Amino acid sequence: MKKLKLDELNRVDITAFKEQEKLPVVVVLDNVRSMHNVGSVFRTADGFSIEKVVLCGITAQPPHREIEKTALGATLSVDWVHFDDTLIAIDQLRKDGYQIIAIEQAKNSKMLNTYLPNQTLKYALIFGNEVNGVSDEVMEKIDECIEIPQFGTKHSFNIVISAGIVLWDFFAKLKL
């Protein structure tokens, strides 16, 4: 087995990326503190070709050196917008026809492995703060809640790991 070189990966350039079909998903970051996490979410969003990233509250915005350390240029390819308040972002996304889903451990949440997204809907997936998760105020406004099954001793995954797991799952289920 031989690893592929960068020029053998046949990746699109930013212009072609902007024009290609996108997964009908936006990622909403609800007061995410770590700029490295923000950058990694951008890179993951680029990898799955989602529509955009919505940065809310204290979540840092590009351009910023600390975001770029992990984004590696994905802040240029992935569309993004900032809202001072996550609730305002949710209202706008709902008006734009998105199903609002929190990724959180909550009563009556649906397990990701059994969740089947509807092929005709658009989704706004909300990932919360590294310590407090998705805020209680936001949880009151969601349409559904998805939980990633976990079997270890820790209470949660890192936000970037969660985003990768959930975006891969949506990509696999929506691109069938």
N, C-alpha and C. Protein backbone atom coordinates (compact mmCIF):
# COMPACT_ATOMS: atom_id res chain seq x y z
N MET A 1 0.86 -1.18 0.00
CA MET A 1 0.00 0.00 0.00
C MET A 1 0.90 1.24 0.00
N LYS A 2 0.54 2.21 -0.83
CA LYS A 2 1.31 3.44 -0.94
C LYS A 2 0.39 4.63 -0.68
N LYS A 3 0.83 5.52 0.20
CA LYS A 3 0.05 6.73 0.48
C LYS A 3 0.00 7.60 -0.76
N LEU A 4 -1.12 8.30 -0.93
CA LEU A 4 -1.25 9.24 -2.04
C LEU A 4 -0.53 10.54 -1.70
N LYS A 5 0.06 11.14 -2.71
CA LYS A 5 0.66 12.46 -2.56
C LYS A 5 -0.45 13.50 -2.70
N LEU A 6 -0.19 14.71 -2.20
CA LEU A 6 -1.20 15.76 -2.24
C LEU A 6 -1.76 15.99 -3.63
N ASP A 7 -0.90 15.99 -4.65
CA ASP A 7 -1.38 16.23 -6.01
C ASP A 7 -2.16 15.04 -6.59
N GLU A 8 -2.13 13.91 -5.91
CA GLU A 8 -2.90 12.73 -6.35
C GLU A 8 -4.28 12.67 -5.70
N LEU A 9 -4.57 13.56 -4.76
CA LEU A 9 -5.86 13.53 -4.06
C LEU A 9 -7.00 14.12 -4.88
N ASN A 10 -6.67 14.87 -5.93
CA ASN A 10 -7.68 15.47 -6.81
C ASN A 10 -8.70 16.31 -6.06
N ARG A 11 -8.25 17.13 -5.13
CA ARG A 11 -9.14 18.02 -4.40
C ARG A 11 -9.51 19.21 -5.28
N VAL A 12 -10.69 19.74 -5.05
CA VAL A 12 -11.14 20.91 -5.79
C VAL A 12 -10.48 22.16 -5.21
N ASP A 13 -10.41 23.21 -6.01
CA ASP A 13 -9.92 24.48 -5.47
C ASP A 13 -11.09 25.21 -4.81
N ILE A 14 -10.81 26.35 -4.18
CA ILE A 14 -11.84 27.07 -3.43
C ILE A 14 -13.00 27.50 -4.33
N THR A 15 -12.69 27.95 -5.54
CA THR A 15 -13.74 28.38 -6.46
C THR A 15 -14.68 27.22 -6.78
N ALA A 16 -14.14 26.08 -7.11
CA ALA A 16 -14.97 24.91 -7.42
C ALA A 16 -15.72 24.44 -6.17
N PHE A 17 -15.08 24.52 -5.01
CA PHE A 17 -15.74 24.14 -3.76
C PHE A 17 -16.97 25.01 -3.52
N LYS A 18 -16.82 26.31 -3.72
CA LYS A 18 -17.94 27.24 -3.50
C LYS A 18 -19.12 26.91 -4.41
N GLU A 19 -18.86 26.38 -5.59
CA GLU A 19 -19.91 26.10 -6.57
C GLU A 19 -20.49 24.70 -6.47
N GLN A 20 -19.79 23.77 -5.81
CA GLN A 20 -20.27 22.39 -5.77
C GLN A 20 -21.48 22.24 -4.86
N GLU A 21 -22.22 21.16 -5.06
CA GLU A 21 -23.38 20.87 -4.22
C GLU A 21 -22.92 20.66 -2.78
N LYS A 22 -23.70 21.19 -1.86
CA LYS A 22 -23.36 21.09 -0.43
C LYS A 22 -24.32 20.14 0.28
N LEU A 23 -23.82 19.54 1.34
CA LEU A 23 -24.67 18.78 2.24
C LEU A 23 -25.65 19.78 2.87
N PRO A 24 -26.95 19.48 2.93
CA PRO A 24 -27.92 20.47 3.44
C PRO A 24 -27.87 20.62 4.96
N VAL A 25 -26.70 21.01 5.43
CA VAL A 25 -26.42 21.10 6.86
C VAL A 25 -25.63 22.37 7.14
N VAL A 26 -26.00 23.06 8.20
CA VAL A 26 -25.16 24.11 8.76
C VAL A 26 -24.80 23.69 10.18
N VAL A 27 -23.62 24.08 10.60
CA VAL A 27 -23.17 23.84 11.97
C VAL A 27 -23.29 25.16 12.72
N VAL A 28 -23.92 25.11 13.88
CA VAL A 28 -24.08 26.27 14.75
C VAL A 28 -23.21 26.04 15.98
N LEU A 29 -22.30 26.97 16.25
CA LEU A 29 -21.46 26.88 17.44
C LEU A 29 -21.99 27.85 18.48
N ASP A 30 -22.50 27.30 19.57
CA ASP A 30 -23.13 28.06 20.65
C ASP A 30 -22.10 28.38 21.73
N ASN A 31 -21.48 29.55 21.63
CA ASN A 31 -20.52 30.03 22.63
C ASN A 31 -19.35 29.08 22.85
N VAL A 32 -18.71 28.68 21.78
CA VAL A 32 -17.54 27.81 21.85
C VAL A 32 -16.32 28.67 22.16
N ARG A 33 -15.59 28.29 23.20
CA ARG A 33 -14.49 29.12 23.70
C ARG A 33 -13.17 28.94 22.95
N SER A 34 -12.83 27.72 22.61
CA SER A 34 -11.51 27.43 22.05
C SER A 34 -11.43 27.76 20.57
N MET A 35 -10.48 28.62 20.22
CA MET A 35 -10.28 28.94 18.81
C MET A 35 -9.77 27.75 18.03
N HIS A 36 -9.05 26.85 18.69
CA HIS A 36 -8.61 25.63 18.01
C HIS A 36 -9.82 24.76 17.67
N ASN A 37 -10.79 24.69 18.56
CA ASN A 37 -12.02 23.95 18.26
C ASN A 37 -12.77 24.59 17.09
N VAL A 38 -12.85 25.91 17.08
CA VAL A 38 -13.52 26.61 15.99
C VAL A 38 -12.83 26.29 14.66
N GLY A 39 -11.52 26.38 14.64
CA GLY A 39 -10.77 26.09 13.42
C GLY A 39 -10.96 24.65 12.97
N SER A 40 -10.95 23.73 13.90
CA SER A 40 -11.14 22.32 13.55
C SER A 40 -12.54 22.05 13.01
N VAL A 41 -13.54 22.74 13.53
CA VAL A 41 -14.89 22.60 13.00
C VAL A 41 -14.94 23.11 11.55
N PHE A 42 -14.27 24.21 11.27
CA PHE A 42 -14.20 24.71 9.89
C PHE A 42 -13.58 23.67 8.97
N ARG A 43 -12.50 23.07 9.42
CA ARG A 43 -11.81 22.07 8.59
C ARG A 43 -12.71 20.85 8.35
N THR A 44 -13.43 20.43 9.37
CA THR A 44 -14.36 19.31 9.23
C THR A 44 -15.52 19.69 8.31
N ALA A 45 -16.02 20.92 8.46
CA ALA A 45 -17.10 21.41 7.60
C ALA A 45 -16.67 21.41 6.13
N ASP A 46 -15.43 21.79 5.87
CA ASP A 46 -14.89 21.75 4.51
C ASP A 46 -14.85 20.30 4.02
N GLY A 47 -14.38 19.40 4.87
CA GLY A 47 -14.24 18.00 4.47
C GLY A 47 -15.55 17.35 4.06
N PHE A 48 -16.65 17.75 4.68
CA PHE A 48 -17.96 17.18 4.35
C PHE A 48 -18.79 18.11 3.47
N SER A 49 -18.22 19.22 3.04
CA SER A 49 -18.86 20.17 2.14
C SER A 49 -20.25 20.58 2.63
N ILE A 50 -20.29 21.10 3.87
CA ILE A 50 -21.57 21.58 4.39
C ILE A 50 -21.81 23.01 3.92
N GLU A 51 -23.04 23.49 4.11
CA GLU A 51 -23.41 24.81 3.60
C GLU A 51 -22.67 25.96 4.28
N LYS A 52 -22.63 25.96 5.61
CA LYS A 52 -21.94 27.05 6.31
C LYS A 52 -21.81 26.73 7.79
N VAL A 53 -21.01 27.57 8.45
CA VAL A 53 -20.83 27.52 9.89
C VAL A 53 -21.41 28.82 10.46
N VAL A 54 -22.21 28.68 11.51
CA VAL A 54 -22.82 29.82 12.18
C VAL A 54 -22.15 29.97 13.54
N LEU A 55 -21.45 31.06 13.72
CA LEU A 55 -20.71 31.34 14.96
C LEU A 55 -21.57 32.24 15.84
N CYS A 56 -21.76 31.83 17.09
CA CYS A 56 -22.67 32.58 17.96
C CYS A 56 -22.02 32.99 19.27
N GLY A 57 -22.44 34.15 19.76
CA GLY A 57 -21.99 34.63 21.07
C GLY A 57 -20.50 34.87 21.11
N ILE A 58 -19.83 34.26 22.11
CA ILE A 58 -18.40 34.47 22.31
C ILE A 58 -17.53 33.67 21.35
N THR A 59 -18.13 32.86 20.50
CA THR A 59 -17.35 32.06 19.55
C THR A 59 -16.51 33.00 18.68
N ALA A 60 -15.22 32.73 18.62
CA ALA A 60 -14.30 33.59 17.86
C ALA A 60 -14.59 33.51 16.37
N GLN A 61 -14.24 34.60 15.68
CA GLN A 61 -14.49 34.70 14.25
C GLN A 61 -13.17 34.83 13.49
N PRO A 62 -13.13 34.26 12.28
CA PRO A 62 -11.98 34.50 11.42
C PRO A 62 -11.98 35.96 10.97
N PRO A 63 -10.88 36.48 10.54
CA PRO A 63 -9.57 35.82 10.53
C PRO A 63 -8.91 35.93 11.90
N HIS A 64 -8.30 34.86 12.31
CA HIS A 64 -7.55 34.86 13.55
C HIS A 64 -6.49 33.75 13.47
N ARG A 65 -5.28 34.08 13.87
CA ARG A 65 -4.15 33.15 13.81
C ARG A 65 -4.44 31.84 14.52
N GLU A 66 -5.08 31.90 15.70
CA GLU A 66 -5.34 30.68 16.47
C GLU A 66 -6.39 29.79 15.80
N ILE A 67 -7.35 30.39 15.11
CA ILE A 67 -8.33 29.60 14.35
C ILE A 67 -7.64 28.93 13.17
N GLU A 68 -6.79 29.68 12.48
CA GLU A 68 -6.13 29.17 11.28
C GLU A 68 -5.15 28.03 11.56
N LYS A 69 -4.64 27.95 12.80
CA LYS A 69 -3.73 26.85 13.13
C LYS A 69 -4.37 25.49 12.86
N THR A 70 -5.68 25.39 13.09
CA THR A 70 -6.35 24.11 12.86
C THR A 70 -7.25 24.14 11.62
N ALA A 71 -7.72 25.30 11.21
CA ALA A 71 -8.58 25.40 10.03
C ALA A 71 -7.79 25.16 8.75
N LEU A 72 -6.53 25.54 8.74
CA LEU A 72 -5.66 25.36 7.58
C LEU A 72 -6.28 25.89 6.29
N GLY A 73 -6.90 27.06 6.36
CA GLY A 73 -7.48 27.69 5.18
C GLY A 73 -8.96 27.43 4.96
N ALA A 74 -9.56 26.56 5.76
CA ALA A 74 -10.98 26.23 5.57
C ALA A 74 -11.90 27.41 5.86
N THR A 75 -11.41 28.42 6.56
CA THR A 75 -12.24 29.61 6.80
C THR A 75 -12.45 30.38 5.50
N LEU A 76 -11.66 30.12 4.49
CA LEU A 76 -11.82 30.75 3.18
C LEU A 76 -12.77 29.96 2.29
N SER A 77 -12.83 28.66 2.48
CA SER A 77 -13.69 27.82 1.62
C SER A 77 -15.10 27.69 2.17
N VAL A 78 -15.25 27.61 3.47
CA VAL A 78 -16.56 27.40 4.09
C VAL A 78 -17.19 28.76 4.41
N ASP A 79 -18.42 28.95 3.94
CA ASP A 79 -19.15 30.18 4.28
C ASP A 79 -19.44 30.20 5.77
N TRP A 80 -19.46 31.39 6.34
CA TRP A 80 -19.76 31.52 7.77
C TRP A 80 -20.42 32.87 8.03
N VAL A 81 -21.11 32.91 9.16
CA VAL A 81 -21.77 34.13 9.61
C VAL A 81 -21.70 34.15 11.14
N HIS A 82 -21.75 35.35 11.71
CA HIS A 82 -21.73 35.47 13.17
C HIS A 82 -23.02 36.14 13.65
N PHE A 83 -23.56 35.62 14.74
CA PHE A 83 -24.69 36.23 15.45
C PHE A 83 -24.25 36.48 16.89
N ASP A 84 -24.62 37.62 17.44
CA ASP A 84 -24.30 37.89 18.84
C ASP A 84 -25.04 36.96 19.78
N ASP A 85 -26.20 36.47 19.35
CA ASP A 85 -27.07 35.65 20.19
C ASP A 85 -27.51 34.41 19.41
N THR A 86 -27.30 33.25 19.99
CA THR A 86 -27.66 31.99 19.34
C THR A 86 -29.16 31.92 19.07
N LEU A 87 -29.98 32.49 19.96
CA LEU A 87 -31.44 32.45 19.76
C LEU A 87 -31.85 33.20 18.50
N ILE A 88 -31.18 34.30 18.21
CA ILE A 88 -31.46 35.05 16.98
C ILE A 88 -31.05 34.22 15.77
N ALA A 89 -29.91 33.54 15.86
CA ALA A 89 -29.47 32.66 14.77
C ALA A 89 -30.49 31.56 14.51
N ILE A 90 -31.00 30.96 15.59
CA ILE A 90 -31.99 29.90 15.44
C ILE A 90 -33.25 30.43 14.76
N ASP A 91 -33.71 31.59 15.18
CA ASP A 91 -34.90 32.19 14.55
C ASP A 91 -34.69 32.37 13.05
N GLN A 92 -33.52 32.86 12.68
CA GLN A 92 -33.23 33.08 11.26
C GLN A 92 -33.14 31.75 10.50
N LEU A 93 -32.47 30.77 11.08
CA LEU A 93 -32.35 29.46 10.44
C LEU A 93 -33.71 28.80 10.27
N ARG A 94 -34.56 28.93 11.27
CA ARG A 94 -35.90 28.37 11.18
C ARG A 94 -36.68 29.05 10.04
N LYS A 95 -36.58 30.38 9.94
CA LYS A 95 -37.22 31.11 8.84
C LYS A 95 -36.70 30.65 7.48
N ASP A 96 -35.42 30.25 7.46
CA ASP A 96 -34.80 29.78 6.22
C ASP A 96 -35.09 28.30 5.94
N GLY A 97 -35.91 27.68 6.79
CA GLY A 97 -36.37 26.32 6.53
C GLY A 97 -35.53 25.20 7.11
N TYR A 98 -34.68 25.51 8.07
CA TYR A 98 -33.85 24.48 8.68
C TYR A 98 -34.55 23.82 9.86
N GLN A 99 -34.35 22.52 10.00
CA GLN A 99 -34.74 21.75 11.17
C GLN A 99 -33.64 22.01 12.20
N ILE A 100 -34.01 22.45 13.40
CA ILE A 100 -33.04 22.84 14.42
C ILE A 100 -32.79 21.66 15.36
N ILE A 101 -31.54 21.18 15.39
CA ILE A 101 -31.19 20.00 16.17
C ILE A 101 -30.00 20.30 17.07
N ALA A 102 -30.17 20.08 18.35
CA ALA A 102 -29.04 20.18 19.29
C ALA A 102 -28.35 18.83 19.37
N ILE A 103 -27.05 18.87 19.47
CA ILE A 103 -26.26 17.66 19.73
C ILE A 103 -25.92 17.74 21.21
N GLU A 104 -26.66 16.97 21.99
CA GLU A 104 -26.59 17.12 23.44
C GLU A 104 -27.12 15.86 24.12
N GLN A 105 -26.72 15.67 25.37
CA GLN A 105 -27.26 14.61 26.20
C GLN A 105 -28.46 15.20 26.93
N ALA A 106 -29.65 14.72 26.59
CA ALA A 106 -30.86 15.30 27.15
C ALA A 106 -31.96 14.24 27.27
N LYS A 107 -32.91 14.54 28.12
CA LYS A 107 -34.07 13.66 28.25
C LYS A 107 -34.78 13.60 26.90
N ASN A 108 -35.13 12.41 26.47
CA ASN A 108 -35.83 12.15 25.21
C ASN A 108 -35.00 12.44 23.96
N SER A 109 -33.68 12.53 24.11
CA SER A 109 -32.85 12.68 22.91
C SER A 109 -32.91 11.39 22.11
N LYS A 110 -32.62 11.52 20.82
CA LYS A 110 -32.57 10.36 19.93
C LYS A 110 -31.11 9.98 19.74
N MET A 111 -30.82 8.70 19.76
CA MET A 111 -29.45 8.24 19.58
C MET A 111 -29.06 8.38 18.11
N LEU A 112 -27.87 8.91 17.89
CA LEU A 112 -27.39 9.18 16.54
C LEU A 112 -27.41 7.93 15.66
N ASN A 113 -27.03 6.80 16.20
CA ASN A 113 -26.96 5.59 15.39
C ASN A 113 -28.32 5.12 14.89
N THR A 114 -29.40 5.56 15.52
CA THR A 114 -30.74 5.16 15.06
C THR A 114 -31.48 6.31 14.37
N TYR A 115 -30.92 7.51 14.39
CA TYR A 115 -31.57 8.68 13.80
C TYR A 115 -31.44 8.63 12.28
N LEU A 116 -32.56 8.83 11.59
CA LEU A 116 -32.55 8.86 10.13
C LEU A 116 -33.01 10.23 9.65
N PRO A 117 -32.08 11.04 9.16
CA PRO A 117 -32.48 12.35 8.64
C PRO A 117 -33.35 12.21 7.40
N ASN A 118 -34.27 13.14 7.24
CA ASN A 118 -35.16 13.17 6.09
C ASN A 118 -34.41 13.77 4.91
N GLN A 119 -34.41 13.09 3.80
CA GLN A 119 -33.67 13.52 2.61
C GLN A 119 -34.16 14.85 2.05
N THR A 120 -35.36 15.29 2.44
CA THR A 120 -35.93 16.51 1.87
C THR A 120 -35.75 17.73 2.77
N LEU A 121 -35.16 17.56 3.94
CA LEU A 121 -35.02 18.67 4.88
C LEU A 121 -33.60 19.22 4.89
N LYS A 122 -33.48 20.43 5.44
CA LYS A 122 -32.18 21.05 5.71
C LYS A 122 -32.01 21.06 7.23
N TYR A 123 -30.79 20.92 7.70
CA TYR A 123 -30.53 20.76 9.12
C TYR A 123 -29.55 21.80 9.66
N ALA A 124 -29.87 22.34 10.83
CA ALA A 124 -28.95 23.18 11.59
C ALA A 124 -28.58 22.38 12.83
N LEU A 125 -27.33 21.98 12.91
CA LEU A 125 -26.83 21.16 14.02
C LEU A 125 -26.09 22.05 15.00
N ILE A 126 -26.59 22.10 16.23
CA ILE A 126 -26.03 22.99 17.25
C ILE A 126 -25.09 22.22 18.17
N PHE A 127 -23.86 22.72 18.25
CA PHE A 127 -22.85 22.18 19.16
C PHE A 127 -22.56 23.24 20.20
N GLY A 128 -22.47 22.81 21.46
CA GLY A 128 -22.38 23.77 22.56
C GLY A 128 -20.99 24.01 23.09
N ASN A 129 -20.97 24.84 24.09
CA ASN A 129 -19.79 25.24 24.83
C ASN A 129 -19.08 24.02 25.41
N GLU A 130 -17.75 24.09 25.45
CA GLU A 130 -16.94 22.96 25.90
C GLU A 130 -17.24 22.51 27.33
N VAL A 131 -17.69 23.39 28.19
CA VAL A 131 -17.98 23.04 29.59
C VAL A 131 -19.47 22.83 29.81
N ASN A 132 -20.29 23.76 29.33
CA ASN A 132 -21.72 23.75 29.63
C ASN A 132 -22.60 23.15 28.55
N GLY A 133 -22.04 22.81 27.41
CA GLY A 133 -22.84 22.24 26.32
C GLY A 133 -23.75 23.29 25.70
N VAL A 134 -24.80 22.82 25.05
CA VAL A 134 -25.78 23.72 24.44
C VAL A 134 -26.55 24.40 25.58
N SER A 135 -26.70 25.71 25.50
CA SER A 135 -27.33 26.45 26.60
C SER A 135 -28.79 26.04 26.81
N ASP A 136 -29.27 26.19 28.03
CA ASP A 136 -30.65 25.85 28.37
C ASP A 136 -31.64 26.65 27.54
N GLU A 137 -31.33 27.93 27.28
CA GLU A 137 -32.22 28.79 26.49
C GLU A 137 -32.35 28.25 25.07
N VAL A 138 -31.25 27.79 24.52
CA VAL A 138 -31.27 27.22 23.17
C VAL A 138 -32.03 25.90 23.17
N MET A 139 -31.83 25.09 24.19
CA MET A 139 -32.51 23.79 24.27
C MET A 139 -34.03 23.95 24.24
N GLU A 140 -34.52 25.07 24.74
CA GLU A 140 -35.96 25.32 24.73
C GLU A 140 -36.49 25.62 23.33
N LYS A 141 -35.61 25.94 22.39
CA LYS A 141 -36.02 26.37 21.04
C LYS A 141 -35.78 25.33 19.95
N ILE A 142 -35.22 24.18 20.29
CA ILE A 142 -34.86 23.20 19.27
C ILE A 142 -36.07 22.37 18.83
N ASP A 143 -35.93 21.76 17.66
CA ASP A 143 -36.95 20.84 17.16
C ASP A 143 -36.69 19.41 17.63
N GLU A 144 -35.41 19.05 17.69
CA GLU A 144 -35.02 17.70 18.10
C GLU A 144 -33.66 17.76 18.79
N CYS A 145 -33.34 16.65 19.46
CA CYS A 145 -32.04 16.53 20.11
C CYS A 145 -31.46 15.16 19.76
N ILE A 146 -30.22 15.18 19.34
CA ILE A 146 -29.51 13.95 19.02
C ILE A 146 -28.36 13.77 20.00
N GLU A 147 -28.19 12.55 20.44
CA GLU A 147 -27.12 12.20 21.38
C GLU A 147 -26.21 11.16 20.74
N ILE A 148 -24.92 11.33 20.93
CA ILE A 148 -23.96 10.33 20.45
C ILE A 148 -23.82 9.26 21.53
N PRO A 149 -24.09 8.00 21.21
CA PRO A 149 -23.93 6.94 22.22
C PRO A 149 -22.48 6.88 22.72
N GLN A 150 -22.32 6.72 24.02
CA GLN A 150 -21.00 6.63 24.63
C GLN A 150 -20.99 5.50 25.65
N PHE A 151 -19.84 4.86 25.79
CA PHE A 151 -19.77 3.67 26.63
C PHE A 151 -18.62 3.69 27.63
N GLY A 152 -17.93 4.80 27.73
CA GLY A 152 -16.79 4.90 28.64
C GLY A 152 -17.14 5.63 29.92
N THR A 153 -16.13 6.09 30.60
CA THR A 153 -16.31 6.75 31.89
C THR A 153 -16.48 8.26 31.79
N LYS A 154 -16.11 8.85 30.68
CA LYS A 154 -16.18 10.31 30.52
C LYS A 154 -17.60 10.72 30.17
N HIS A 155 -17.92 11.97 30.47
CA HIS A 155 -19.29 12.46 30.29
C HIS A 155 -19.60 12.90 28.86
N SER A 156 -18.56 13.23 28.10
CA SER A 156 -18.83 13.72 26.76
C SER A 156 -17.58 13.63 25.89
N PHE A 157 -17.78 13.79 24.58
CA PHE A 157 -16.68 13.91 23.64
C PHE A 157 -16.30 15.39 23.50
N ASN A 158 -15.09 15.65 23.05
CA ASN A 158 -14.70 17.00 22.67
C ASN A 158 -15.62 17.46 21.54
N ILE A 159 -15.90 18.74 21.48
CA ILE A 159 -16.80 19.28 20.47
C ILE A 159 -16.36 18.94 19.04
N VAL A 160 -15.07 18.94 18.79
CA VAL A 160 -14.58 18.64 17.45
C VAL A 160 -14.83 17.17 17.11
N ILE A 161 -14.61 16.30 18.06
CA ILE A 161 -14.90 14.88 17.84
C ILE A 161 -16.39 14.69 17.59
N SER A 162 -17.21 15.36 18.40
CA SER A 162 -18.67 15.27 18.21
C SER A 162 -19.07 15.76 16.83
N ALA A 163 -18.52 16.88 16.40
CA ALA A 163 -18.85 17.42 15.08
C ALA A 163 -18.44 16.44 13.99
N GLY A 164 -17.27 15.86 14.11
CA GLY A 164 -16.81 14.89 13.12
C GLY A 164 -17.71 13.67 13.04
N ILE A 165 -18.08 13.13 14.20
CA ILE A 165 -18.95 11.95 14.24
C ILE A 165 -20.30 12.27 13.62
N VAL A 166 -20.91 13.37 14.04
CA VAL A 166 -22.27 13.70 13.58
C VAL A 166 -22.27 14.08 12.11
N LEU A 167 -21.30 14.88 11.67
CA LEU A 167 -21.27 15.26 10.25
C LEU A 167 -21.01 14.05 9.36
N TRP A 168 -20.15 13.15 9.79
CA TRP A 168 -19.93 11.92 9.01
C TRP A 168 -21.24 11.12 8.91
N ASP A 169 -21.93 11.00 10.02
CA ASP A 169 -23.18 10.24 10.04
C ASP A 169 -24.21 10.87 9.10
N PHE A 170 -24.37 12.18 9.17
CA PHE A 170 -25.32 12.86 8.28
C PHE A 170 -24.88 12.72 6.83
N PHE A 171 -23.59 12.86 6.57
CA PHE A 171 -23.08 12.70 5.21
C PHE A 171 -23.39 11.29 4.69
N ALA A 172 -23.10 10.30 5.49
CA ALA A 172 -23.33 8.92 5.06
C ALA A 172 -24.82 8.63 4.83
N LYS A 173 -25.67 9.15 5.67
CA LYS A 173 -27.11 8.89 5.56
C LYS A 173 -27.80 9.73 4.48
N LEU A 174 -27.33 10.96 4.28
CA LEU A 174 -27.96 11.82 3.28
C LEU A 174 -27.41 11.62 1.88
N LYS A 175 -26.23 11.09 1.75
CA LYS A 175 -25.62 10.89 0.43
C LYS A 175 -25.88 9.49 -0.12
N LEU A 176 -26.70 8.68 0.55
CA LEU A 176 -26.98 7.32 0.07
C LEU A 176 -27.65 7.33 -1.28
